[in-house]
Amino acid sequence: MKSSGKMTILFTLVLTFLLLAAPAWATRPVAKVTSFTGEVLIVSGVDAMPVSHVGQFVNAGDKVQTKQGSVQITFTDGAVLRVRPFTSTMVQERQEESGFLFWKKKISVRRITNYVGKLWFKSGASDRRNFIQSTTAVCGLRGTIAESLVTLQQALIRFEEGSGDISGAMLLVEQALRESTQGEAANNPVYQKISVAAAKMQKAQETGKAIDVAAAKAEIADAGITAAEELDKNPALEPSAKELNQADKNAFITAKAAADAEVKVAELEEIKEAATEAGNQEAVEAAEQALEGIEDKVEDLQDQAEKALTVVTAEEPPTPEEIEQLEATAKLADTALVGILTTIDTTPGMEDAAKEFVPPSPTEPEPEAKPEPVPAPDPVPAPEPVVPTVDEPQPTFDPTEEGGDIPPGPGGSPAE
């Protein structure tokens, strides 16, 4: 048992390091923060971090969410995205298939998903096709400067320059769009889930406890599942984009199972530590035996989650075989998690050890007061003349170098 105990300690130390370390999946920077004010959050895979400095990377597949703050993001081709207060959005860049049968071809696509709130977007210099979409509609942009507002009742878009092809329920307006409200954001399921998950991750970073970090990762993965489910409701989403969205959901299902397994490992380690302090050798040995029994299964789940998140954020779209594998892996991940829980429950002496030394639940952040339901907004007023504003072209940057000389916002002004 002594040798087994040493291996268990090594496994736990490695797991704790991985939980607190940088993301293990392959991230792909597609943009940088060029200005920001107030509270802004970036969710990348199963990690969440506040925007802390100009030059901070935004990766493919990242979600950007604001409270009472705003952020300007500049892409590698000079395209600019401004995210206004109380907004939740996702940035995707990859290739998608277009056409049918023998006429199918791959095209470079950038999709800006607005779950709730207000954003402003200016196309860049590349030939990448740009889309602004919500959970109800898709707008393909053409040489465009546009702003988008998604409320609890409707999606709106306004063009300062250029035009777009709208499919689905999205209202085209000419007057400047109003700002989003805290009430609208707090009543949006994606915004809610990300807010809770981010608060847990912030608390976990403060406590430094492996169990808190793992629980926060599980919450972030669950937010990713919710985001994919909400986007899947969009009837105007192209079949290829809908297929990729389902692949995203499956990747987060696997990632959540892996994080839930990591929570159980951290619980066992805390039981072992408490039993050691109490001098209960039987409980110590039970925890060690349970850890040894689930070690390979947990490591396999972690590997599968890392691979899945890497596949869905790559520039190249997943192959049909990879999409099938992502679906199969998501189903097997839940089965594997059940197997891990069963192994723990059936380990001799584990039931008594858990009763005596059960660790406290992962530290919960203070809940935020939820605003009252938002009443329907006043009807959209009659259009007013709008004078288009032409901004200076944005210089490109090297996505491999964080920080450095960052181009100013359009027209030399930072995001408000």
Protein backbone atom coordinates (compact mmCIF):
# COMPACT_ATOMS: atom_id res chain seq x y z
CA MET A 1 0.00 0.00 0.00
CA LYS A 2 2.96 2.32 0.57
CA SER A 3 3.95 2.18 -3.11
CA SER A 4 0.33 2.72 -4.10
CA GLY A 5 0.17 5.73 -1.78
CA LYS A 6 3.18 7.32 -3.44
CA MET A 7 1.63 6.88 -6.90
CA THR A 8 -1.63 8.36 -5.63
CA ILE A 9 0.16 11.41 -4.24
CA LEU A 10 1.97 11.87 -7.57
CA PHE A 11 -1.31 11.59 -9.50
CA THR A 12 -2.99 14.15 -7.24
CA LEU A 13 -0.10 16.61 -7.48
CA VAL A 14 -0.11 16.35 -11.27
CA LEU A 15 -3.88 16.86 -11.39
CA THR A 16 -3.69 19.91 -9.13
CA PHE A 17 -0.96 21.42 -11.32
CA LEU A 18 -3.05 20.84 -14.45
CA LEU A 19 -6.10 22.43 -12.85
CA LEU A 20 -4.22 25.61 -11.97
CA ALA A 21 -2.06 25.76 -15.11
CA ALA A 22 -2.78 27.29 -18.51
CA PRO A 23 -5.29 25.56 -20.83
CA ALA A 24 -4.08 22.19 -22.08
CA TRP A 25 -6.03 22.31 -25.34
CA ALA A 26 -4.57 24.11 -28.35
CA THR A 27 -5.77 27.72 -28.38
CA ARG A 28 -5.69 29.76 -31.59
CA PRO A 29 -5.47 33.56 -31.25
CA VAL A 30 -7.57 35.43 -33.80
CA ALA A 31 -7.72 38.90 -32.25
CA LYS A 32 -6.40 41.17 -29.50
CA VAL A 33 -7.96 43.56 -27.04
CA THR A 34 -7.12 47.07 -28.25
CA SER A 35 -9.01 49.02 -25.57
CA PHE A 36 -11.39 48.35 -22.70
CA THR A 37 -13.13 49.94 -19.73
CA GLY A 38 -14.87 48.44 -16.71
CA GLU A 39 -15.61 44.74 -16.19
CA VAL A 40 -14.98 42.55 -19.24
CA LEU A 41 -14.64 38.77 -19.24
CA ILE A 42 -13.19 36.31 -21.75
CA VAL A 43 -14.30 32.67 -21.58
CA SER A 44 -11.92 30.35 -23.40
CA GLY A 45 -12.75 26.64 -23.40
CA VAL A 46 -13.28 25.82 -19.70
CA ASP A 47 -11.37 28.82 -18.40
CA ALA A 48 -12.64 32.31 -17.59
CA MET A 49 -10.46 35.35 -17.07
CA PRO A 50 -11.09 39.09 -16.75
CA VAL A 51 -9.63 41.39 -19.38
CA SER A 52 -6.67 42.91 -17.58
CA HIS A 53 -4.53 44.56 -20.25
CA VAL A 54 -4.43 45.83 -23.81
CA GLY A 55 -2.98 43.18 -26.08
CA GLN A 56 -4.74 40.29 -24.35
CA PHE A 57 -5.53 37.50 -26.81
CA VAL A 58 -8.98 36.47 -27.97
CA ASN A 59 -8.98 32.91 -29.31
CA ALA A 60 -11.21 31.21 -31.83
CA GLY A 61 -14.39 30.09 -30.09
CA ASP A 62 -13.99 32.48 -27.14
CA LYS A 63 -16.97 34.18 -25.55
CA VAL A 64 -16.67 37.83 -24.53
CA GLN A 65 -19.02 39.14 -21.87
CA THR A 66 -19.32 42.58 -20.30
CA LYS A 67 -20.91 43.94 -17.16
CA GLN A 68 -20.71 47.71 -16.70
CA GLY A 69 -17.86 47.86 -19.19
CA SER A 70 -16.96 47.70 -22.87
CA VAL A 71 -14.15 46.33 -24.99
CA GLN A 72 -12.72 46.81 -28.48
CA ILE A 73 -11.19 43.81 -30.22
CA THR A 74 -9.06 44.02 -33.37
CA PHE A 75 -8.70 40.96 -35.60
CA THR A 76 -5.65 39.91 -37.62
CA ASP A 77 -7.14 41.36 -40.82
CA GLY A 78 -7.97 44.71 -39.20
CA ALA A 79 -11.63 43.94 -38.56
CA VAL A 80 -12.92 45.58 -35.38
CA LEU A 81 -15.52 44.42 -32.84
CA ARG A 82 -16.80 46.70 -30.07
CA VAL A 83 -18.75 44.97 -27.32
CA ARG A 84 -20.95 47.30 -25.29
CA PRO A 85 -22.11 46.96 -21.64
CA PHE A 86 -24.22 43.97 -20.56
CA THR A 87 -23.50 41.97 -23.69
CA SER A 88 -22.60 38.33 -24.27
CA THR A 89 -21.05 37.34 -27.59
CA MET A 90 -18.97 34.58 -29.18
CA VAL A 91 -16.19 34.93 -31.76
CA GLN A 92 -15.57 32.11 -34.25
CA GLU A 93 -13.15 31.93 -37.16
CA ARG A 94 -12.80 28.78 -39.22
CA GLN A 95 -13.47 27.27 -42.58
CA GLU A 96 -16.92 26.03 -43.49
CA GLU A 97 -18.23 24.05 -46.43
CA SER A 98 -20.38 25.86 -48.97
CA GLY A 99 -22.27 24.53 -52.00
CA PHE A 100 -23.60 21.08 -52.84
CA LEU A 101 -22.25 17.76 -54.09
CA PHE A 102 -19.41 18.30 -56.59
CA TRP A 103 -19.62 22.08 -56.17
CA LYS A 104 -18.77 22.01 -52.49
CA LYS A 105 -15.88 24.18 -51.42
CA LYS A 106 -14.35 25.48 -48.20
CA ILE A 107 -14.65 29.18 -47.40
CA SER A 108 -13.08 31.21 -44.57
CA VAL A 109 -15.81 32.42 -42.22
CA ARG A 110 -16.01 34.68 -39.18
CA ARG A 111 -19.16 34.40 -37.09
CA ILE A 112 -20.00 36.91 -34.37
CA THR A 113 -22.84 35.49 -32.27
CA ASN A 114 -24.75 38.05 -30.21
CA TYR A 115 -26.63 36.19 -27.45
CA VAL A 116 -27.79 39.40 -25.79
CA GLY A 117 -26.73 43.05 -25.79
CA LYS A 118 -25.19 45.48 -28.24
CA LEU A 119 -22.10 45.29 -30.44
CA TRP A 120 -20.52 47.19 -33.34
CA PHE A 121 -18.53 45.51 -36.10
CA LYS A 122 -16.41 46.70 -39.02
CA SER A 123 -15.20 44.24 -41.66
CA GLY A 124 -11.46 43.79 -42.24
CA ALA A 125 -9.24 43.66 -45.30
CA SER A 126 -9.33 39.88 -45.85
CA ASP A 127 -11.74 37.95 -48.03
CA ARG A 128 -13.13 36.17 -44.98
CA ARG A 129 -16.94 36.14 -45.01
CA ASN A 130 -18.45 37.83 -41.96
CA PHE A 131 -21.72 36.98 -40.23
CA ILE A 132 -23.51 38.58 -37.31
CA GLN A 133 -26.01 36.14 -35.86
CA SER A 134 -28.33 35.71 -32.90
CA THR A 135 -30.36 32.74 -31.70
CA THR A 136 -33.11 33.73 -34.17
CA ALA A 137 -31.37 34.98 -37.31
CA VAL A 138 -28.19 35.24 -39.41
CA CYS A 139 -26.96 38.28 -41.33
CA GLY A 140 -24.24 37.86 -43.93
CA LEU A 141 -22.33 41.15 -44.17
CA ARG A 142 -21.06 42.83 -47.35
CA GLY A 143 -18.32 45.47 -46.94
CA THR A 144 -20.04 46.52 -43.80
CA ILE A 145 -19.95 48.66 -40.71
CA ALA A 146 -22.88 47.46 -38.62
CA GLU A 147 -24.23 47.43 -35.10
CA SER A 148 -26.39 44.72 -33.56
CA LEU A 149 -28.77 44.74 -30.60
CA VAL A 150 -30.36 41.61 -29.15
CA THR A 151 -33.02 42.06 -26.47
CA LEU A 152 -35.30 39.53 -24.79
CA GLN A 153 -37.91 40.23 -27.46
CA GLN A 154 -36.08 40.78 -30.74
CA ALA A 155 -32.85 41.10 -32.71
CA LEU A 156 -32.07 44.33 -34.57
CA ILE A 157 -29.32 45.41 -36.95
CA ARG A 158 -28.31 48.75 -38.45
CA PHE A 159 -25.80 49.38 -41.23
CA GLU A 160 -23.59 52.46 -41.14
CA GLU A 161 -21.95 51.32 -44.38
CA GLY A 162 -22.62 48.49 -46.81
CA SER A 163 -25.46 46.04 -46.46
CA GLY A 164 -26.25 42.48 -45.55
CA ASP A 165 -28.42 39.45 -46.29
CA ILE A 166 -30.75 38.70 -43.40
CA SER A 167 -32.26 35.26 -42.84
CA GLY A 168 -34.62 34.72 -39.92
CA ALA A 169 -36.15 37.07 -37.37
CA MET A 170 -33.92 40.17 -37.38
CA LEU A 171 -35.27 43.70 -37.77
CA LEU A 172 -33.37 46.12 -40.03
CA VAL A 173 -33.48 49.68 -38.67
CA GLU A 174 -31.97 53.03 -39.66
CA GLN A 175 -31.81 54.88 -36.32
CA ALA A 176 -28.99 54.39 -33.85
CA LEU A 177 -29.61 51.45 -31.52
CA ARG A 178 -30.07 51.95 -27.80
CA GLU A 179 -27.80 50.36 -25.18
CA SER A 180 -28.52 46.99 -23.62
CA THR A 181 -29.78 46.88 -20.03
CA GLN A 182 -28.65 44.89 -17.00
CA GLY A 183 -32.12 43.39 -16.70
CA GLU A 184 -32.07 42.04 -20.23
CA ALA A 185 -28.65 40.50 -19.72
CA ALA A 186 -29.49 38.93 -16.36
CA ASN A 187 -32.57 37.26 -17.83
CA ASN A 188 -30.65 35.72 -20.74
CA PRO A 189 -29.70 32.04 -20.08
CA VAL A 190 -26.24 32.27 -21.65
CA TYR A 191 -25.36 35.50 -19.83
CA GLN A 192 -26.62 34.01 -16.56
CA LYS A 193 -24.61 30.79 -16.88
CA ILE A 194 -21.39 32.59 -17.79
CA SER A 195 -21.82 35.07 -14.92
CA VAL A 196 -22.21 32.28 -12.36
CA ALA A 197 -19.31 30.27 -13.81
CA ALA A 198 -16.99 33.28 -13.92
CA ALA A 199 -17.77 34.17 -10.30
CA LYS A 200 -16.92 30.61 -9.27
CA MET A 201 -13.66 30.68 -11.20
CA GLN A 202 -12.69 34.00 -9.60
CA LYS A 203 -13.42 32.55 -6.16
CA ALA A 204 -11.44 29.40 -7.03
CA GLN A 205 -8.42 31.46 -8.02
CA GLU A 206 -8.63 33.20 -4.65
CA THR A 207 -8.87 29.99 -2.61
CA GLY A 208 -6.39 28.07 -4.78
CA LYS A 209 -8.28 24.87 -3.93
CA ALA A 210 -8.33 22.16 -6.59
CA ILE A 211 -11.92 21.27 -5.78
CA ASP A 212 -13.05 24.87 -6.38
CA VAL A 213 -11.17 25.12 -9.69
CA ALA A 214 -12.62 21.83 -10.95
CA ALA A 215 -16.16 22.85 -9.96
CA ALA A 216 -15.73 26.20 -11.76
CA LYS A 217 -14.52 24.40 -14.89
CA ALA A 218 -17.63 22.20 -14.78
CA GLU A 219 -19.82 25.33 -14.58
CA ILE A 220 -18.03 26.93 -17.53
CA ALA A 221 -18.45 23.76 -19.60
CA ASP A 222 -22.15 23.74 -18.70
CA ALA A 223 -22.39 27.35 -19.90
CA GLY A 224 -20.85 26.21 -23.19
CA ILE A 225 -23.51 23.52 -23.52
CA THR A 226 -26.26 26.09 -22.88
CA ALA A 227 -24.77 28.50 -25.45
CA ALA A 228 -24.75 25.75 -28.09
CA GLU A 229 -28.32 24.74 -27.26
CA GLU A 230 -29.51 28.33 -27.55
CA LEU A 231 -27.77 28.82 -30.92
CA ASP A 232 -29.23 25.54 -32.17
CA LYS A 233 -32.67 27.17 -31.92
CA ASN A 234 -31.72 29.47 -34.82
CA PRO A 235 -33.79 28.27 -37.80
CA ALA A 236 -31.68 30.30 -40.25
CA LEU A 237 -28.35 28.69 -39.36
CA GLU A 238 -26.84 26.96 -42.37
CA PRO A 239 -26.63 23.12 -42.15
CA SER A 240 -22.83 23.16 -42.01
CA ALA A 241 -22.83 25.79 -39.26
CA LYS A 242 -25.50 23.87 -37.33
CA GLU A 243 -23.41 20.70 -37.58
CA LEU A 244 -20.36 22.54 -36.23
CA ASN A 245 -22.46 23.99 -33.40
CA GLN A 246 -23.49 20.46 -32.41
CA ALA A 247 -19.82 19.48 -32.45
CA ASP A 248 -19.13 22.38 -30.05
CA LYS A 249 -21.87 21.12 -27.73
CA ASN A 250 -20.45 17.58 -27.72
CA ALA A 251 -16.98 18.93 -26.90
CA PHE A 252 -18.38 20.79 -23.89
CA ILE A 253 -20.33 17.71 -22.75
CA THR A 254 -17.03 15.80 -22.66
CA ALA A 255 -15.27 18.71 -20.94
CA LYS A 256 -17.97 18.88 -18.25
CA ALA A 257 -17.68 15.15 -17.54
CA ALA A 258 -13.90 15.53 -17.20
CA ALA A 259 -14.30 18.47 -14.81
CA ASP A 260 -16.89 16.59 -12.74
CA ALA A 261 -14.41 13.71 -12.47
CA GLU A 262 -11.73 16.16 -11.33
CA VAL A 263 -14.10 17.34 -8.59
CA LYS A 264 -14.36 13.75 -7.29
CA VAL A 265 -10.56 13.41 -7.27
CA ALA A 266 -10.24 16.61 -5.26
CA GLU A 267 -12.93 15.41 -2.83
CA LEU A 268 -11.07 12.14 -2.28
CA GLU A 269 -7.82 13.99 -1.67
CA GLU A 270 -9.50 16.20 0.92
CA ILE A 271 -11.00 13.14 2.64
CA LYS A 272 -7.56 11.54 2.70
CA GLU A 273 -5.97 14.68 4.15
CA ALA A 274 -8.62 15.00 6.87
CA ALA A 275 -8.33 11.29 7.74
CA THR A 276 -4.55 11.60 7.96
CA GLU A 277 -4.84 14.48 10.40
CA ALA A 278 -7.33 12.46 12.47
CA GLY A 279 -5.07 9.39 12.47
CA ASN A 280 -7.71 7.22 10.79
CA GLN A 281 -5.56 4.87 8.70
CA GLU A 282 -8.52 2.86 7.40
CA ALA A 283 -10.09 5.97 5.89
CA VAL A 284 -6.72 7.02 4.43
CA GLU A 285 -6.30 3.63 2.75
CA ALA A 286 -9.88 3.69 1.44
CA ALA A 287 -9.33 7.11 -0.18
CA GLU A 288 -6.02 5.99 -1.67
CA GLN A 289 -7.60 2.84 -3.07
CA ALA A 290 -10.44 4.84 -4.62
CA LEU A 291 -7.96 7.30 -6.16
CA GLU A 292 -5.92 4.47 -7.59
CA GLY A 293 -9.07 2.84 -9.00
CA ILE A 294 -10.16 5.93 -10.94
CA GLU A 295 -6.75 7.30 -11.97
CA ASP A 296 -6.70 5.90 -15.51
CA LYS A 297 -10.36 6.77 -16.16
CA VAL A 298 -9.91 10.39 -15.06
CA GLU A 299 -6.76 10.84 -17.13
CA ASP A 300 -8.52 9.36 -20.17
CA LEU A 301 -11.46 11.76 -19.74
CA GLN A 302 -9.09 14.71 -19.47
CA ASP A 303 -7.31 13.65 -22.68
CA GLN A 304 -10.62 13.27 -24.52
CA ALA A 305 -11.80 16.70 -23.36
CA GLU A 306 -8.57 18.38 -24.47
CA LYS A 307 -8.73 16.72 -27.89
CA ALA A 308 -12.40 17.66 -28.35
CA LEU A 309 -11.85 21.34 -27.50
CA THR A 310 -8.84 21.46 -29.83
CA VAL A 311 -10.79 19.95 -32.74
CA VAL A 312 -13.72 22.39 -32.53
CA THR A 313 -11.53 25.52 -32.34
CA ALA A 314 -9.21 24.62 -35.25
CA GLU A 315 -9.25 26.62 -38.48
CA GLU A 316 -10.02 23.48 -40.47
CA PRO A 317 -13.57 22.22 -39.81
CA PRO A 318 -13.90 18.79 -38.24
CA THR A 319 -14.08 15.95 -40.75
CA PRO A 320 -17.26 13.81 -40.84
CA GLU A 321 -15.30 11.13 -38.98
CA GLU A 322 -14.23 13.63 -36.30
CA ILE A 323 -17.80 14.88 -35.90
CA GLU A 324 -19.00 11.31 -35.36
CA GLN A 325 -16.15 10.74 -32.92
CA LEU A 326 -17.07 13.87 -30.95
CA GLU A 327 -20.64 12.64 -30.61
CA ALA A 328 -19.53 9.16 -29.55
CA THR A 329 -17.00 10.59 -27.09
CA ALA A 330 -19.66 12.80 -25.48
CA LYS A 331 -21.89 9.77 -24.90
CA LEU A 332 -19.00 7.68 -23.56
CA ALA A 333 -17.89 10.54 -21.29
CA ASP A 334 -21.12 10.40 -19.30
CA THR A 335 -20.78 6.61 -19.06
CA ALA A 336 -17.17 6.97 -17.91
CA LEU A 337 -18.21 9.46 -15.21
CA VAL A 338 -20.82 7.01 -13.91
CA GLY A 339 -18.11 4.34 -13.82
CA ILE A 340 -15.86 6.63 -11.79
CA LEU A 341 -18.61 7.35 -9.28
CA THR A 342 -19.40 3.63 -9.02
CA THR A 343 -15.75 2.78 -8.38
CA ILE A 344 -15.63 5.30 -5.55
CA ASP A 345 -18.91 4.14 -4.01
CA THR A 346 -17.92 0.45 -4.10
CA THR A 347 -14.41 0.91 -2.66
CA PRO A 348 -14.27 -0.92 0.71
CA GLY A 349 -14.39 1.53 3.61
CA MET A 350 -15.13 4.51 1.36
CA GLU A 351 -18.71 4.96 2.52
CA ASP A 352 -17.65 5.28 6.17
CA ALA A 353 -14.71 7.52 5.26
CA ALA A 354 -16.97 9.83 3.26
CA LYS A 355 -19.48 10.09 6.09
CA GLU A 356 -16.81 10.96 8.64
CA PHE A 357 -14.54 13.15 6.54
CA VAL A 358 -16.80 14.44 3.76
CA PRO A 359 -15.29 17.72 2.49
CA PRO A 360 -17.40 20.88 2.28
CA SER A 361 -19.03 21.72 -1.02
CA PRO A 362 -16.91 23.78 -3.43
CA THR A 363 -16.78 27.39 -2.26
CA GLU A 364 -19.76 29.29 -3.61
CA PRO A 365 -19.46 32.98 -4.54
CA GLU A 366 -21.95 35.44 -3.15
CA PRO A 367 -25.06 35.33 -5.39
CA GLU A 368 -25.94 38.46 -7.30
CA ALA A 369 -29.41 39.90 -6.97
CA LYS A 370 -31.39 39.03 -10.07
CA PRO A 371 -33.18 42.01 -11.59
CA GLU A 372 -36.92 41.94 -12.04
CA PRO A 373 -38.23 40.63 -15.39
CA VAL A 374 -37.82 43.20 -18.13
CA PRO A 375 -40.99 44.67 -19.62
CA ALA A 376 -41.37 44.84 -23.37
CA PRO A 377 -39.59 47.91 -24.77
CA ASP A 378 -41.37 50.79 -26.40
CA PRO A 379 -41.99 50.42 -30.14
CA VAL A 380 -39.05 51.33 -32.36
CA PRO A 381 -39.37 55.06 -33.23
CA ALA A 382 -39.53 56.29 -36.77
CA PRO A 383 -36.16 56.22 -38.56
CA GLU A 384 -34.02 59.34 -38.35
CA PRO A 385 -31.40 60.41 -40.88
CA VAL A 386 -28.06 58.79 -40.14
CA VAL A 387 -24.76 60.26 -41.28
CA PRO A 388 -22.35 57.37 -41.97
CA THR A 389 -19.06 57.54 -40.11
CA VAL A 390 -16.04 56.30 -42.05
CA ASP A 391 -13.24 55.08 -39.78
CA GLU A 392 -9.58 54.86 -40.57
CA PRO A 393 -8.39 51.40 -41.75
CA GLN A 394 -6.96 49.22 -39.01
CA PRO A 395 -3.39 47.93 -39.25
CA THR A 396 -2.93 44.20 -38.86
CA PHE A 397 -0.89 42.55 -36.13
CA ASP A 398 0.98 39.36 -35.43
CA PRO A 399 -1.31 37.10 -33.33
CA THR A 400 1.71 35.30 -31.88
CA GLU A 401 2.96 38.38 -30.03
CA GLU A 402 0.94 39.51 -27.02
CA GLY A 403 1.05 43.19 -26.09
CA GLY A 404 3.41 45.48 -27.98
CA ASP A 405 2.27 48.37 -30.12
CA ILE A 406 -1.46 48.07 -30.43
CA PRO A 407 -3.34 49.92 -33.15
CA PRO A 408 -5.81 52.54 -31.86
CA GLY A 409 -9.54 52.16 -32.23
CA PRO A 410 -11.26 53.26 -35.42
CA GLY A 411 -10.75 56.96 -35.94
CA GLY A 412 -8.12 56.92 -33.18
CA SER A 413 -10.73 56.66 -30.42
CA PRO A 414 -10.88 53.84 -27.87
CA ALA A 415 -13.97 51.83 -27.13
CA GLU A 416 -16.37 53.76 -24.96
